[in-house]
């Protein structure tokens, strides 16, 4: 699909024409929510020579996107038809979604229809899920409804990590010293419990200390889970475990941490953060690692194999 003549504003058109010299590929569409992740996705795409047409969600997205993307259109979260129309007119055949949407605020912070002024496409897409006889407001159900709405007009939703795979963290210990038996035990137990919570589409994060689960993330999000843990465990010394769902769809809701996560864990008394390797994004990586080292927080990326090997090693030691 060619770029619609005269659609791009003059300022954006100048940038767009300059980048056409480097590539004739169509632009990548970006739906940007809250946080630094959408900014890093946009930066990575631009560095790779791709043009970026961005729908920035009002009340969520960063103004920094204006200086990175070829063009940014600010729209409310309820303007799904407007999002799709914009991408079709800009010629984007592939769209990626990045950043957090505050689901609790959007759905349960008052009348969703009055606060977010949904368009007709949004009503048709989400109405049956939110107001039908068989209501289903789970993340996977709502996001698949979005995917299907894009599919109907020939636009593919692509994982941001396919377009920028370098954003995913590898299996390694990123900060901290030797992991002792107590922390290793909490990592193993927390991993298994968090995976079960994710499988039930409850949340992707738990906090744990001495084998006891302190808090489980639900609709309120990771930050609120961390703060609640600090209130419940005033002695500190707890561990946060954040994983992907067992059947994680990498097109959306990919586990993400960053400097703010480190700060909140530090302020709430946490001592360790465990994330899933190859399924987690660390935004502002250098700053995040510096903050973790300064706070004395152990940051480690593990996977099923490393957990299994650790459990096997424990069983061997106990049998010796």
Protein backbone atom coordinates (compact mmCIF):
# COMPACT_ATOMS: atom_id res chain seq x y z
CA UNK A 1 0.00 0.00 0.00
CA UNK A 2 1.45 3.36 -0.97
CA UNK A 3 1.63 6.39 1.28
CA UNK A 4 -1.51 8.47 0.96
CA UNK A 5 -0.64 11.68 -0.84
CA UNK A 6 -0.79 14.72 1.40
CA UNK A 7 -1.57 12.73 4.54
CA UNK A 8 1.63 13.40 6.44
CA UNK A 9 1.96 16.88 7.97
CA UNK A 10 4.65 19.11 6.45
CA UNK A 11 7.18 18.66 9.25
CA UNK A 12 6.80 14.90 9.22
CA UNK A 13 6.91 14.79 5.43
CA UNK A 14 10.37 16.38 5.40
CA UNK A 15 11.73 13.67 7.69
CA UNK A 16 9.82 11.01 5.79
CA UNK A 17 11.26 12.06 2.42
CA UNK A 18 14.78 12.10 3.90
CA UNK A 19 14.43 8.54 5.16
CA UNK A 20 13.02 7.35 1.87
CA UNK A 21 16.53 7.84 0.50
CA UNK A 22 17.69 5.01 2.80
CA UNK A 23 14.77 2.62 2.41
CA UNK A 24 11.71 2.04 0.28
CA UNK A 25 10.17 -0.24 2.89
CA UNK A 26 6.74 0.75 4.24
CA UNK A 27 6.65 2.27 7.70
CA UNK A 28 6.21 0.17 10.82
CA UNK A 29 3.16 1.12 12.86
CA UNK A 30 3.64 1.58 16.59
CA UNK A 31 0.89 1.79 19.20
CA UNK A 32 2.66 3.41 22.15
CA UNK A 33 1.47 3.10 25.72
CA UNK A 34 3.10 4.21 28.97
CA UNK A 35 6.77 3.87 29.81
CA UNK A 36 10.17 3.88 28.16
CA UNK A 37 9.69 0.65 26.21
CA UNK A 38 7.81 2.28 23.27
CA UNK A 39 10.57 4.88 23.04
CA UNK A 40 13.27 2.19 22.85
CA UNK A 41 11.29 0.26 20.24
CA UNK A 42 10.96 3.40 18.10
CA UNK A 43 14.66 4.20 18.48
CA UNK A 44 15.66 0.66 17.51
CA UNK A 45 13.45 0.69 14.42
CA UNK A 46 14.79 4.06 13.30
CA UNK A 47 18.40 2.90 13.80
CA UNK A 48 17.64 -0.10 11.59
CA UNK A 49 16.49 2.26 8.82
CA UNK A 50 12.74 1.81 9.21
CA UNK A 51 10.23 4.64 9.24
CA UNK A 52 7.82 4.68 12.17
CA UNK A 53 4.18 5.81 12.14
CA UNK A 54 3.08 6.06 15.76
CA UNK A 55 -0.29 6.18 17.48
CA UNK A 56 0.53 7.61 20.91
CA UNK A 57 -2.09 6.84 23.53
CA UNK A 58 -3.18 10.02 25.28
CA UNK A 59 -2.49 10.02 28.99
CA UNK A 60 0.01 7.19 28.58
CA UNK A 61 2.68 7.73 25.90
CA UNK A 62 5.85 9.81 26.17
CA UNK A 63 6.26 13.12 24.35
CA UNK A 64 9.77 11.91 23.46
CA UNK A 65 8.20 9.91 20.62
CA UNK A 66 7.60 13.16 18.74
CA UNK A 67 11.35 13.58 18.14
CA UNK A 68 11.94 9.94 17.12
CA UNK A 69 9.09 8.79 14.90
CA UNK A 70 8.37 10.01 11.38
CA UNK A 71 4.91 11.02 12.51
CA UNK A 72 2.91 10.76 15.73
CA UNK A 73 -0.86 10.87 16.04
CA UNK A 74 -2.19 11.33 19.57
CA UNK A 75 -5.43 9.44 20.14
CA UNK A 76 -7.42 8.11 23.07
CA UNK A 77 -7.34 4.43 23.95
CA UNK A 78 -10.97 4.09 22.84
CA UNK A 79 -10.34 5.32 19.28
CA UNK A 80 -9.55 1.88 17.87
CA UNK A 81 -11.12 2.71 14.51
CA UNK A 82 -9.02 5.86 14.36
CA UNK A 83 -5.87 3.85 15.10
CA UNK A 84 -6.59 1.42 12.27
CA UNK A 85 -7.56 4.16 9.82
CA UNK A 86 -4.33 6.04 10.52
CA UNK A 87 -2.15 3.00 9.92
CA UNK A 88 -3.97 2.10 6.72
CA UNK A 89 -3.53 5.63 5.35
CA UNK A 90 0.14 5.71 6.35
CA UNK A 91 0.81 2.45 4.49
CA UNK A 92 1.82 0.37 7.51
CA UNK A 93 1.19 -3.33 6.85
CA UNK A 94 2.74 -4.32 10.19
CA UNK A 95 1.99 -2.79 13.58
CA UNK A 96 3.55 -3.46 16.95
CA UNK A 97 2.25 -2.56 20.39
CA UNK A 98 4.57 -1.46 23.18
CA UNK A 99 4.08 0.00 26.62
CA UNK A 100 1.65 -0.35 29.45
CA UNK A 101 -2.03 0.51 29.50
CA UNK A 102 -3.54 1.08 32.92
CA UNK A 103 -6.29 -1.49 32.63
CA UNK A 104 -7.81 -0.94 36.07
CA UNK A 105 -8.10 2.80 35.48
CA UNK A 106 -9.48 2.35 31.95
CA UNK A 107 -12.08 -0.30 32.78
CA UNK A 108 -13.00 0.34 36.38
CA UNK A 109 -12.14 3.97 37.09
CA UNK A 110 -15.61 5.21 36.16
CA UNK A 111 -17.65 4.92 32.99
CA UNK A 112 -15.31 3.64 30.29
CA UNK A 113 -17.59 5.03 27.57
CA UNK A 114 -17.78 8.54 29.01
CA UNK A 115 -14.11 8.78 29.97
CA UNK A 116 -12.57 7.40 26.80
CA UNK A 117 -15.16 8.25 24.11
CA UNK A 118 -14.85 5.00 22.14
CA UNK A 119 -15.54 5.03 18.43
CA UNK A 120 -17.79 2.58 16.60
CA UNK A 121 -14.99 0.09 15.89
CA UNK A 122 -14.09 0.05 19.57
CA UNK A 123 -17.70 -0.54 20.58
CA UNK A 124 -18.06 -3.42 18.15
CA UNK A 125 -14.73 -4.94 19.20
CA UNK A 126 -15.01 -4.73 22.98
CA UNK A 127 -18.74 -4.47 23.61
CA UNK A 128 -19.37 -8.24 23.71
CA UNK A 129 -16.39 -8.73 26.05
CA UNK A 130 -17.35 -5.99 28.50
CA UNK A 131 -21.14 -5.95 28.39
CA UNK A 132 -22.27 -9.19 26.76
CA UNK A 133 -23.91 -12.06 28.55
CA UNK A 134 -20.56 -13.86 28.65
CA UNK A 135 -18.30 -11.05 29.79
CA UNK A 136 -14.59 -11.70 29.47
CA UNK A 137 -12.22 -8.84 30.30
CA UNK A 138 -9.10 -10.95 30.61
CA UNK A 139 -6.01 -9.47 28.98
CA UNK A 140 -5.65 -12.25 26.42
CA UNK A 141 -9.30 -11.99 25.35
CA UNK A 142 -9.24 -8.22 24.91
CA UNK A 143 -5.92 -8.17 23.11
CA UNK A 144 -6.90 -10.97 20.74
CA UNK A 145 -10.00 -8.92 19.91
CA UNK A 146 -7.65 -6.09 18.89
CA UNK A 147 -5.54 -8.48 16.79
CA UNK A 148 -8.66 -9.72 15.01
CA UNK A 149 -9.83 -6.15 14.31
CA UNK A 150 -6.49 -5.39 12.62
CA UNK A 151 -6.50 -8.71 10.76
CA UNK A 152 -9.84 -7.88 9.18
CA UNK A 153 -8.27 -4.94 7.34
CA UNK A 154 -5.08 -6.76 6.38
CA UNK A 155 -2.74 -5.38 9.04
CA UNK A 156 -0.59 -7.76 11.06
CA UNK A 157 0.21 -7.22 14.74
CA UNK A 158 3.88 -8.17 15.18
CA UNK A 159 5.85 -8.74 18.39
CA UNK A 160 8.11 -5.78 19.18
CA UNK A 161 10.76 -8.33 20.09
CA UNK A 162 10.71 -9.69 16.51
CA UNK A 163 11.48 -6.22 15.24
CA UNK A 164 14.01 -5.46 18.00
CA UNK A 165 15.22 -8.81 19.41
CA UNK A 166 18.20 -7.21 21.14
CA UNK A 167 15.81 -5.81 23.76
CA UNK A 168 15.35 -9.26 25.31
CA UNK A 169 17.61 -10.21 28.23
CA UNK A 170 19.79 -13.33 28.03
CA UNK A 171 20.17 -15.94 30.77
CA UNK A 172 22.71 -14.55 33.22
CA UNK A 173 23.25 -12.98 36.61
CA UNK A 174 23.32 -9.27 35.89
CA UNK A 175 24.15 -7.86 39.33
CA UNK A 176 24.83 -9.05 42.86
CA UNK A 177 27.22 -11.49 44.51
CA UNK A 178 26.98 -15.19 45.22
CA UNK A 179 23.41 -16.48 45.43
CA UNK A 180 23.09 -18.28 48.76
CA UNK A 181 20.86 -21.27 49.60
CA UNK A 182 17.99 -19.15 50.99
CA UNK A 183 17.77 -16.94 47.92
CA UNK A 184 18.18 -19.92 45.59
CA UNK A 185 15.27 -21.65 47.33
CA UNK A 186 13.06 -18.57 46.97
CA UNK A 187 14.00 -18.28 43.29
CA UNK A 188 13.01 -21.89 42.63
CA UNK A 189 9.75 -21.74 44.60
CA UNK A 190 8.85 -18.28 43.31
CA UNK A 191 9.44 -19.33 39.69
CA UNK A 192 7.09 -22.31 39.94
CA UNK A 193 4.36 -20.31 41.69
CA UNK A 194 4.64 -17.34 39.33
CA UNK A 195 4.32 -19.65 36.33
CA UNK A 196 1.11 -21.08 37.79
CA UNK A 197 -0.29 -17.57 38.36
CA UNK A 198 0.59 -16.61 34.79
CA UNK A 199 -1.06 -19.75 33.46
CA UNK A 200 -4.30 -18.68 35.12
CA UNK A 201 -4.00 -15.18 33.57
CA UNK A 202 -3.87 -13.57 37.02
CA UNK A 203 -0.56 -11.77 36.79
CA UNK A 204 3.11 -12.27 36.00
CA UNK A 205 4.76 -11.16 39.23
CA UNK A 206 4.93 -12.49 42.77
CA UNK A 207 7.03 -11.56 45.81
CA UNK A 208 8.40 -14.18 48.17
CA UNK A 209 10.50 -14.52 51.32
CA UNK A 210 11.57 -17.70 53.12
CA UNK A 211 9.25 -19.73 50.91
CA UNK A 212 6.19 -17.62 51.79
CA UNK A 213 4.39 -15.73 49.02
CA UNK A 214 3.90 -12.15 50.17
CA UNK A 215 1.96 -10.68 47.25
CA UNK A 216 0.65 -11.63 43.83
CA UNK A 217 0.20 -9.18 40.98
CA UNK A 218 -3.34 -8.87 39.66
CA UNK A 219 -5.04 -6.07 37.73
CA UNK A 220 -3.29 -3.37 39.79
CA UNK A 221 0.08 -4.05 38.15
CA UNK A 222 3.64 -4.72 39.26
CA UNK A 223 4.29 -1.37 40.96
CA UNK A 224 1.32 -1.75 43.28
CA UNK A 225 2.34 -5.34 44.03
CA UNK A 226 5.81 -4.14 45.06
CA UNK A 227 4.44 -1.35 47.25
CA UNK A 228 2.01 -3.74 48.94
CA UNK A 229 4.88 -6.11 49.65
CA UNK A 230 6.82 -3.34 51.38
CA UNK A 231 3.83 -2.66 53.63
CA UNK A 232 3.43 -6.35 54.49
CA UNK A 233 7.12 -7.17 54.98
CA UNK A 234 8.64 -4.20 56.79
CA UNK A 235 11.83 -6.15 57.60
CA UNK A 236 12.59 -6.33 53.89
CA UNK A 237 14.86 -8.91 52.35
CA UNK A 238 12.27 -10.31 49.94
CA UNK A 239 12.54 -11.39 46.31
CA UNK A 240 10.45 -10.39 43.30
CA UNK A 241 9.92 -12.98 40.57
CA UNK A 242 8.54 -11.84 37.20
CA UNK A 243 7.87 -14.36 34.43
CA UNK A 244 6.05 -14.75 31.14
CA UNK A 245 2.85 -16.71 30.86
CA UNK A 246 3.32 -20.39 29.96
CA UNK A 247 1.89 -19.68 26.49
CA UNK A 248 3.08 -16.09 26.29
CA UNK A 249 1.98 -14.22 23.17
CA UNK A 250 4.98 -12.01 22.51
CA UNK A 251 2.84 -9.53 20.59
CA UNK A 252 1.68 -7.99 23.83
CA UNK A 253 2.10 -7.92 27.60
CA UNK A 254 5.77 -8.92 27.49
CA UNK A 255 7.32 -8.76 31.01
CA UNK A 256 9.31 -5.54 31.37
CA UNK A 257 11.43 -3.94 34.09
CA UNK A 258 13.44 -0.74 34.23
CA UNK A 259 14.99 1.83 36.58
CA UNK A 260 11.64 2.59 38.21
CA UNK A 261 11.22 -1.09 39.06
CA UNK A 262 14.61 -1.08 40.79
CA UNK A 263 13.74 2.07 42.72
CA UNK A 264 10.42 0.69 43.90
CA UNK A 265 11.93 -2.61 44.99
CA UNK A 266 14.70 -0.79 46.84
CA UNK A 267 12.29 1.61 48.55
CA UNK A 268 10.08 -1.31 49.60
CA UNK A 269 12.92 -3.38 51.04
CA UNK A 270 13.47 -5.98 48.33
CA UNK A 271 16.87 -7.65 47.88
CA UNK A 272 16.53 -9.56 44.61
CA UNK A 273 14.71 -9.46 41.26
CA UNK A 274 14.33 -12.57 39.13
CA UNK A 275 13.15 -12.30 35.51
CA UNK A 276 12.71 -14.79 32.70
CA UNK A 277 15.50 -14.97 30.15
CA UNK A 278 14.55 -14.48 26.47
CA UNK A 279 11.05 -13.40 27.53
CA UNK A 280 11.77 -10.17 29.46
CA UNK A 281 12.69 -6.67 28.33
CA UNK A 282 14.96 -4.45 30.41
CA UNK A 283 14.46 -0.84 29.36
CA UNK A 284 17.23 1.69 29.96
CA UNK A 285 19.46 -1.32 30.57
CA UNK A 286 22.62 0.53 31.60
CA UNK A 287 20.74 2.78 34.00
CA UNK A 288 18.78 -0.19 35.37
CA UNK A 289 21.97 -2.16 36.10
CA UNK A 290 23.65 0.85 37.69
CA UNK A 291 20.63 1.40 39.92
CA UNK A 292 20.52 -2.28 40.94
CA UNK A 293 24.24 -2.32 41.80
CA UNK A 294 23.95 0.91 43.79
CA UNK A 295 20.97 -0.50 45.72
CA UNK A 296 22.67 -3.83 46.39
CA UNK A 297 19.91 -5.69 44.55
CA UNK A 298 20.67 -9.04 42.93
CA UNK A 299 19.25 -9.11 39.40
CA UNK A 300 19.21 -12.46 37.63
CA UNK A 301 17.62 -13.79 34.43
CA UNK A 302 16.76 -17.50 34.52
CA UNK A 303 14.76 -19.97 32.47
CA UNK A 304 13.13 -23.38 32.89
CA UNK A 305 16.40 -25.21 32.27
CA UNK A 306 18.40 -23.26 34.85
CA UNK A 307 15.64 -23.75 37.43
CA UNK A 308 15.54 -27.48 36.70
CA UNK A 309 19.32 -27.78 37.01
CA UNK A 310 19.29 -25.90 40.31
CA UNK A 311 16.57 -28.17 41.70
CA UNK A 312 18.50 -31.26 40.59
CA UNK A 313 21.65 -29.93 42.27
CA UNK A 314 19.71 -29.34 45.50
CA UNK A 315 18.39 -32.89 45.47
CA UNK A 316 21.91 -34.25 44.97
CA UNK A 317 23.22 -32.21 47.92
CA UNK A 318 20.38 -33.36 50.16
CA UNK A 319 21.00 -36.98 49.25
CA UNK A 320 24.76 -36.74 49.89
